[in-house]
Protein backbone atom coordinates (compact mmCIF):
# COMPACT_ATOMS: atom_id res chain seq x y z
CA MET A 1 12.22 21.62 6.72
CA ASN A 2 12.42 21.14 2.80
CA SER A 3 14.10 17.87 3.49
CA LEU A 4 11.42 16.72 5.46
CA LYS A 5 9.02 17.50 2.53
CA PHE A 6 10.97 15.81 0.19
CA LEU A 7 11.18 12.65 2.57
CA THR A 8 7.21 12.83 2.72
CA LEU A 9 7.51 12.80 -1.20
CA LEU A 10 9.65 10.29 -1.59
CA THR A 11 8.42 7.75 0.98
CA LEU A 12 4.66 8.34 -1.07
CA SER A 13 5.99 8.47 -4.36
CA LEU A 14 8.01 5.06 -3.42
CA TRP A 15 4.84 3.55 -2.48
CA LEU A 16 2.74 4.71 -4.67
CA GLY A 17 5.42 3.65 -7.63
CA GLY A 18 5.26 0.38 -6.08
CA ILE A 19 1.87 -0.33 -6.13
CA ILE A 20 1.50 0.74 -10.23
CA PHE A 21 4.18 -1.41 -11.03
CA PHE A 22 3.17 -4.53 -8.97
CA THR A 23 -0.48 -4.10 -10.34
CA ALA A 24 0.39 -2.87 -13.92
CA VAL A 25 3.49 -5.02 -14.86
CA GLU A 26 4.35 -7.36 -12.21
CA ALA A 27 1.14 -9.50 -11.71
CA PRO A 28 0.16 -9.15 -14.95
CA VAL A 29 3.39 -10.48 -16.35
CA ILE A 30 3.48 -13.18 -13.69
CA LEU A 31 -0.12 -14.62 -14.61
CA HIS A 32 0.68 -14.37 -18.15
CA TYR A 33 4.53 -16.58 -18.34
CA VAL A 34 4.05 -19.24 -15.32
CA HIS A 35 1.44 -21.46 -16.33
CA ASP A 36 1.55 -23.17 -12.98
CA ARG A 37 -0.96 -21.74 -10.78
CA THR A 38 0.00 -22.41 -7.66
CA LEU A 39 3.75 -20.83 -8.23
CA GLY A 40 2.36 -18.01 -9.80
CA GLY A 41 0.13 -17.30 -6.79
CA GLU A 42 2.89 -17.59 -4.54
CA ILE A 43 5.29 -15.52 -6.38
CA ILE A 44 3.05 -12.69 -6.23
CA ASN A 45 1.75 -13.61 -2.71
CA ARG A 46 5.55 -12.93 -2.24
CA SER A 47 5.47 -9.89 -3.93
CA LEU A 48 2.66 -8.60 -2.60
CA ALA A 49 3.94 -9.33 0.92
CA GLU A 50 7.34 -7.11 0.38
CA LEU A 51 5.57 -4.41 -1.46
CA HIS A 52 3.36 -4.15 2.02
CA TRP A 53 6.28 -3.99 3.93
CA LEU A 54 8.02 -1.43 1.91
CA GLY A 55 4.40 0.61 2.05
CA ILE A 56 4.09 0.47 5.95
CA VAL A 57 7.81 1.68 6.03
CA CYS A 58 7.53 4.53 3.60
CA GLY A 59 3.84 5.18 5.50
CA LEU A 60 5.54 5.45 9.10
CA VAL A 61 8.55 7.36 7.68
CA PHE A 62 5.92 9.62 6.15
CA LEU A 63 3.88 9.85 8.92
CA LEU A 64 6.93 10.71 11.07
CA ALA A 65 8.13 13.74 9.00
CA SER A 66 4.82 14.89 8.43
CA LEU A 67 4.43 15.64 12.24
CA LEU A 68 7.91 16.69 12.88
CA ARG A 69 7.54 19.11 9.98
CA ALA A 70 4.34 20.13 11.06
CA TYR A 71 5.48 20.63 14.79
CA LEU A 72 8.66 22.81 13.40
CA VAL A 73 6.69 24.94 11.03
CA THR A 74 3.82 25.70 13.65
CA ALA A 75 5.36 24.68 16.68
CA SER A 76 2.26 21.96 16.79
CA THR A 77 1.41 18.62 16.74
CA LYS A 78 -1.89 18.19 15.18
CA LEU A 79 -2.58 14.82 14.46
CA LEU A 80 -5.78 14.82 12.84
CA THR A 81 -5.04 16.56 9.46
CA LEU A 82 -6.44 15.25 6.43
CA PRO A 83 -2.75 13.45 5.27
CA HIS A 84 -2.27 12.15 8.52
CA PHE A 85 -5.51 10.44 8.32
CA LEU A 86 -5.23 8.94 4.86
CA ILE A 87 -1.81 8.12 5.80
CA THR A 88 -3.21 6.12 8.41
CA LEU A 89 -5.95 4.53 6.43
CA MET A 90 -3.21 3.46 4.05
CA LEU A 91 -1.39 1.84 6.51
CA ALA A 92 -4.52 0.11 8.26
CA SER A 93 -5.49 -0.91 4.83
CA THR A 94 -2.09 -2.33 3.97
CA ALA A 95 -1.66 -4.10 7.37
CA ILE A 96 -5.08 -5.64 7.28
CA SER A 97 -3.95 -7.38 3.82
CA GLN A 98 -0.67 -8.51 5.16
CA HIS A 99 -1.78 -9.95 8.17
CA PHE A 100 -4.78 -11.27 7.82
CA ILE A 101 -6.01 -11.84 3.73
CA LEU A 102 -2.66 -12.82 2.53
CA PRO A 103 -2.28 -15.64 4.96
CA ALA A 104 -5.81 -16.98 4.61
CA ILE A 105 -4.96 -16.90 0.70
CA ALA A 106 -1.97 -18.67 1.14
CA GLN A 107 -3.85 -21.37 3.20
CA LEU A 108 -6.54 -21.52 1.04
CA ARG A 109 -4.17 -22.20 -1.95
CA GLU A 110 -3.20 -25.49 -0.69
CA ALA A 111 -6.46 -26.65 -1.04
CA GLN A 112 -7.24 -25.76 -4.23
CA SER A 113 -9.12 -28.51 -5.28
CA ASP A 114 -11.92 -28.05 -3.08
CA PRO A 115 -14.73 -25.83 -5.12
CA ALA A 116 -15.61 -24.13 -1.35
CA ALA A 117 -12.10 -23.19 -0.89
CA GLU A 118 -12.21 -21.72 -4.59
CA ALA A 119 -14.69 -19.79 -3.55
CA GLN A 120 -13.43 -18.56 -0.47
CA PHE A 121 -10.26 -17.45 -2.62
CA GLN A 122 -12.04 -15.28 -4.82
CA HIS A 123 -13.81 -13.49 -1.68
CA LEU A 124 -10.23 -12.82 -0.34
CA HIS A 125 -8.73 -11.89 -3.75
CA ASN A 126 -11.62 -9.38 -4.22
CA TRP A 127 -11.14 -7.94 -0.44
CA SER A 128 -7.28 -7.91 -1.36
CA VAL A 129 -7.51 -5.83 -4.46
CA GLY A 130 -10.29 -3.81 -3.26
CA LEU A 131 -7.91 -3.07 -0.31
CA GLU A 132 -4.69 -2.45 -2.50
CA SER A 133 -6.99 -0.33 -5.06
CA SER A 134 -7.96 1.87 -1.86
CA VAL A 135 -4.61 2.47 -0.66
CA LEU A 136 -3.62 3.46 -4.52
CA LEU A 137 -6.66 5.82 -4.38
CA LEU A 138 -5.38 7.52 -0.96
CA ALA A 139 -2.06 7.83 -2.21
CA LEU A 140 -3.22 9.84 -5.07
CA VAL A 141 -5.49 12.12 -3.40
CA LEU A 142 -2.30 12.55 -0.70
CA LEU A 143 0.31 13.22 -3.14
CA TYR A 144 -2.16 16.16 -4.99
CA LEU A 145 -2.14 17.73 -1.44
CA GLN A 146 0.89 17.22 -0.69
CA ALA A 147 2.08 18.92 -4.18
CA ARG A 148 -0.57 21.28 -3.47
CA ASP A 149 0.90 22.09 0.08
CA ALA A 150 4.37 22.57 -1.54
CA GLU A 151 3.55 25.05 -4.29
CA GLY A 152 1.55 27.15 -1.89
CA ARG A 153 4.35 27.42 0.53
CA SER A 154 7.12 28.33 -2.65
């Protein structure tokens, strides 16, 4: 069961670390050094898509490991626990960004000379940042809950 706990912490840490690296290092560096706005946007879009796939895989592994661990410890598969709810919100936010917002942003990038497209791009960009920020915040709360749970069982 310790290996399942480790797996939940590992997957959550990988996802959280990816988000922090992307927002604090990768995106600012790309925006600073890539002067072609279209190219910079394409690089960021591709990186964010890869981060989303990492998050989806990590989130699903977290959820499965957490459910299995709960079943082995308590012989129950309570689905509506706070950690399961938080990881589901994180997965939903990531999937919305991946499958709806990023494709729409990529489409608008092609019509960047149109002022209406620029306004729509800013709107979608704000949604993207908001969803990613919410995933970051939820991941921090979830990591705290997992650490507290591990401390209580030690």
